[in-house]
Amino acid sequence: MVVELGAGKAIPMMRMRAHRTAATAATSGRRSRGSLIRINPDPAAGAVLHGAGVAQPAGALAALTTIDARLRYLIQRAFRL
């Protein structure tokens, strides 16, 4: 799993590195399947190639807070805590 925060089009090397790392994990047989989460408030800068991961058009703090809340909810629901 790769989470890229705000590496817009101005930082292409970071975007390529995140994509390559996710793709490498996908082909290595790891359980993560090489997922990429690209977080950027500019929808055009956050675009992800089809099947490579997901884009979250939001600021980093807002997106991570939302992801955290959703994961906590799913864990509580799964284990009925």
C-alpha atoms as a PDB file:
ATOM      1  CA  MET A   1       0.000   0.000   0.000  1.00  0.00           C
ATOM      2  CA  VAL A   2       1.379   3.381  -1.022  1.00  0.00           C
ATOM      3  CA  VAL A   3      -0.200   6.611   0.214  1.00  0.00           C
ATOM      4  CA  GLU A   4       0.921   9.657  -1.733  1.00  0.00           C
ATOM      5  CA  LEU A   5       0.142  13.023  -0.163  1.00  0.00           C
ATOM      6  CA  GLY A   6       0.074  16.124  -2.347  1.00  0.00           C
ATOM      7  CA  ALA A   7       2.733  15.144  -4.880  1.00  0.00           C
ATOM      8  CA  GLY A   8       1.098  17.093  -7.688  1.00  0.00           C
ATOM      9  CA  LYS A   9       2.241  17.458 -11.250  1.00  0.00           C
ATOM     10  CA  ALA A  10       5.083  19.711 -10.063  1.00  0.00           C
ATOM     11  CA  ILE A  11       6.788  16.648  -8.506  1.00  0.00           C
ATOM     12  CA  PRO A  12       6.653  14.012 -11.265  1.00  0.00           C
ATOM     13  CA  MET A  13       9.518  11.948  -9.845  1.00  0.00           C
ATOM     14  CA  MET A  14       7.588  11.336  -6.599  1.00  0.00           C
ATOM     15  CA  ARG A  15       4.446  10.422  -8.532  1.00  0.00           C
ATOM     16  CA  MET A  16       6.369   7.943 -10.715  1.00  0.00           C
ATOM     17  CA  ARG A  17       8.096   6.444  -7.652  1.00  0.00           C
ATOM     18  CA  ALA A  18       4.773   5.924  -5.856  1.00  0.00           C
ATOM     19  CA  HIS A  19       3.236   4.317  -8.929  1.00  0.00           C
ATOM     20  CA  ARG A  20       6.268   2.054  -9.501  1.00  0.00           C
ATOM     21  CA  THR A  21       6.366   0.975  -5.852  1.00  0.00           C
ATOM     22  CA  ALA A  22       2.667   0.076  -5.917  1.00  0.00           C
ATOM     23  CA  ALA A  23       3.073  -1.778  -9.225  1.00  0.00           C
ATOM     24  CA  THR A  24       6.109  -3.709  -7.930  1.00  0.00           C
ATOM     25  CA  ALA A  25       4.173  -4.851  -4.879  1.00  0.00           C
ATOM     26  CA  ALA A  26       1.318  -5.942  -7.138  1.00  0.00           C
ATOM     27  CA  THR A  27       3.549  -8.164  -9.249  1.00  0.00           C
ATOM     28  CA  SER A  28       5.487  -9.627  -6.318  1.00  0.00           C
ATOM     29  CA  GLY A  29       2.497 -11.616  -5.069  1.00  0.00           C
ATOM     30  CA  ARG A  30       2.166  -9.698  -1.819  1.00  0.00           C
ATOM     31  CA  ARG A  31      -1.276  -9.485  -0.292  1.00  0.00           C
ATOM     32  CA  SER A  32      -1.366  -5.688  -0.654  1.00  0.00           C
ATOM     33  CA  ARG A  33      -1.851  -6.007  -4.416  1.00  0.00           C
ATOM     34  CA  GLY A  34       0.126  -2.818  -4.833  1.00  0.00           C
ATOM     35  CA  SER A  35      -2.657  -0.391  -4.025  1.00  0.00           C
ATOM     36  CA  LEU A  36      -1.978   3.310  -4.477  1.00  0.00           C
ATOM     37  CA  ILE A  37      -3.943   6.011  -2.684  1.00  0.00           C
ATOM     38  CA  ARG A  38      -3.176   9.404  -4.203  1.00  0.00           C
ATOM     39  CA  ILE A  39      -4.391  12.345  -2.079  1.00  0.00           C
ATOM     40  CA  ASN A  40      -4.370  15.787  -3.691  1.00  0.00           C
ATOM     41  CA  PRO A  41      -6.863  18.692  -3.490  1.00  0.00           C
ATOM     42  CA  ASP A  42      -6.507  19.238  -7.264  1.00  0.00           C
ATOM     43  CA  PRO A  43      -8.510  16.470  -9.009  1.00  0.00           C
ATOM     44  CA  ALA A  44      -6.363  16.694 -12.159  1.00  0.00           C
ATOM     45  CA  ALA A  45      -3.123  16.356 -10.165  1.00  0.00           C
ATOM     46  CA  GLY A  46      -4.500  13.429  -8.169  1.00  0.00           C
ATOM     47  CA  ALA A  47      -5.548  11.293 -11.122  1.00  0.00           C
ATOM     48  CA  VAL A  48      -4.583   7.599 -10.939  1.00  0.00           C
ATOM     49  CA  LEU A  49      -4.299   5.202 -13.863  1.00  0.00           C
ATOM     50  CA  HIS A  50      -7.242   2.805 -14.064  1.00  0.00           C
ATOM     51  CA  GLY A  51      -6.660  -0.210 -11.845  1.00  0.00           C
ATOM     52  CA  ALA A  52      -3.580   1.272 -10.174  1.00  0.00           C
ATOM     53  CA  GLY A  53      -5.357   2.647  -7.111  1.00  0.00           C
ATOM     54  CA  VAL A  54      -7.705   5.405  -6.055  1.00  0.00           C
ATOM     55  CA  ALA A  55      -7.607   9.194  -6.004  1.00  0.00           C
ATOM     56  CA  GLN A  56      -8.932  11.233  -3.102  1.00  0.00           C
ATOM     57  CA  PRO A  57      -9.515  14.877  -4.128  1.00  0.00           C
ATOM     58  CA  ALA A  58      -8.930  16.462  -0.712  1.00  0.00           C
ATOM     59  CA  GLY A  59      -6.245  17.972   1.459  1.00  0.00           C
ATOM     60  CA  ALA A  60      -3.948  15.533   3.244  1.00  0.00           C
ATOM     61  CA  LEU A  61      -5.251  16.070   6.788  1.00  0.00           C
ATOM     62  CA  ALA A  62      -8.919  15.907   5.776  1.00  0.00           C
ATOM     63  CA  ALA A  63      -8.392  12.756   3.701  1.00  0.00           C
ATOM     64  CA  LEU A  64      -6.344  10.952   6.368  1.00  0.00           C
ATOM     65  CA  THR A  65      -8.888  11.883   9.042  1.00  0.00           C
ATOM     66  CA  THR A  66     -11.688  10.463   6.884  1.00  0.00           C
ATOM     67  CA  ILE A  67      -9.742   7.264   6.153  1.00  0.00           C
ATOM     68  CA  ASP A  68      -8.959   6.836   9.867  1.00  0.00           C
ATOM     69  CA  ALA A  69     -12.612   7.265  10.872  1.00  0.00           C
ATOM     70  CA  ARG A  70     -13.775   4.789   8.237  1.00  0.00           C
ATOM     71  CA  LEU A  71     -11.182   2.174   9.227  1.00  0.00           C
ATOM     72  CA  ARG A  72     -12.098   2.526  12.911  1.00  0.00           C
ATOM     73  CA  TYR A  73     -15.765   2.048  12.037  1.00  0.00           C
ATOM     74  CA  LEU A  74     -15.058  -1.042   9.928  1.00  0.00           C
ATOM     75  CA  ILE A  75     -12.845  -2.592  12.624  1.00  0.00           C
ATOM     76  CA  GLN A  76     -15.446  -1.980  15.324  1.00  0.00           C
ATOM     77  CA  ARG A  77     -18.149  -3.427  13.134  1.00  0.00           C
ATOM     78  CA  ALA A  78     -16.060  -6.487  12.206  1.00  0.00           C
ATOM     79  CA  PHE A  79     -15.149  -7.286  15.790  1.00  0.00           C
ATOM     80  CA  ARG A  80     -18.255  -5.818  17.420  1.00  0.00           C
ATOM     81  CA  LEU A  81     -16.161  -3.859  19.937  1.00  0.00           C
END
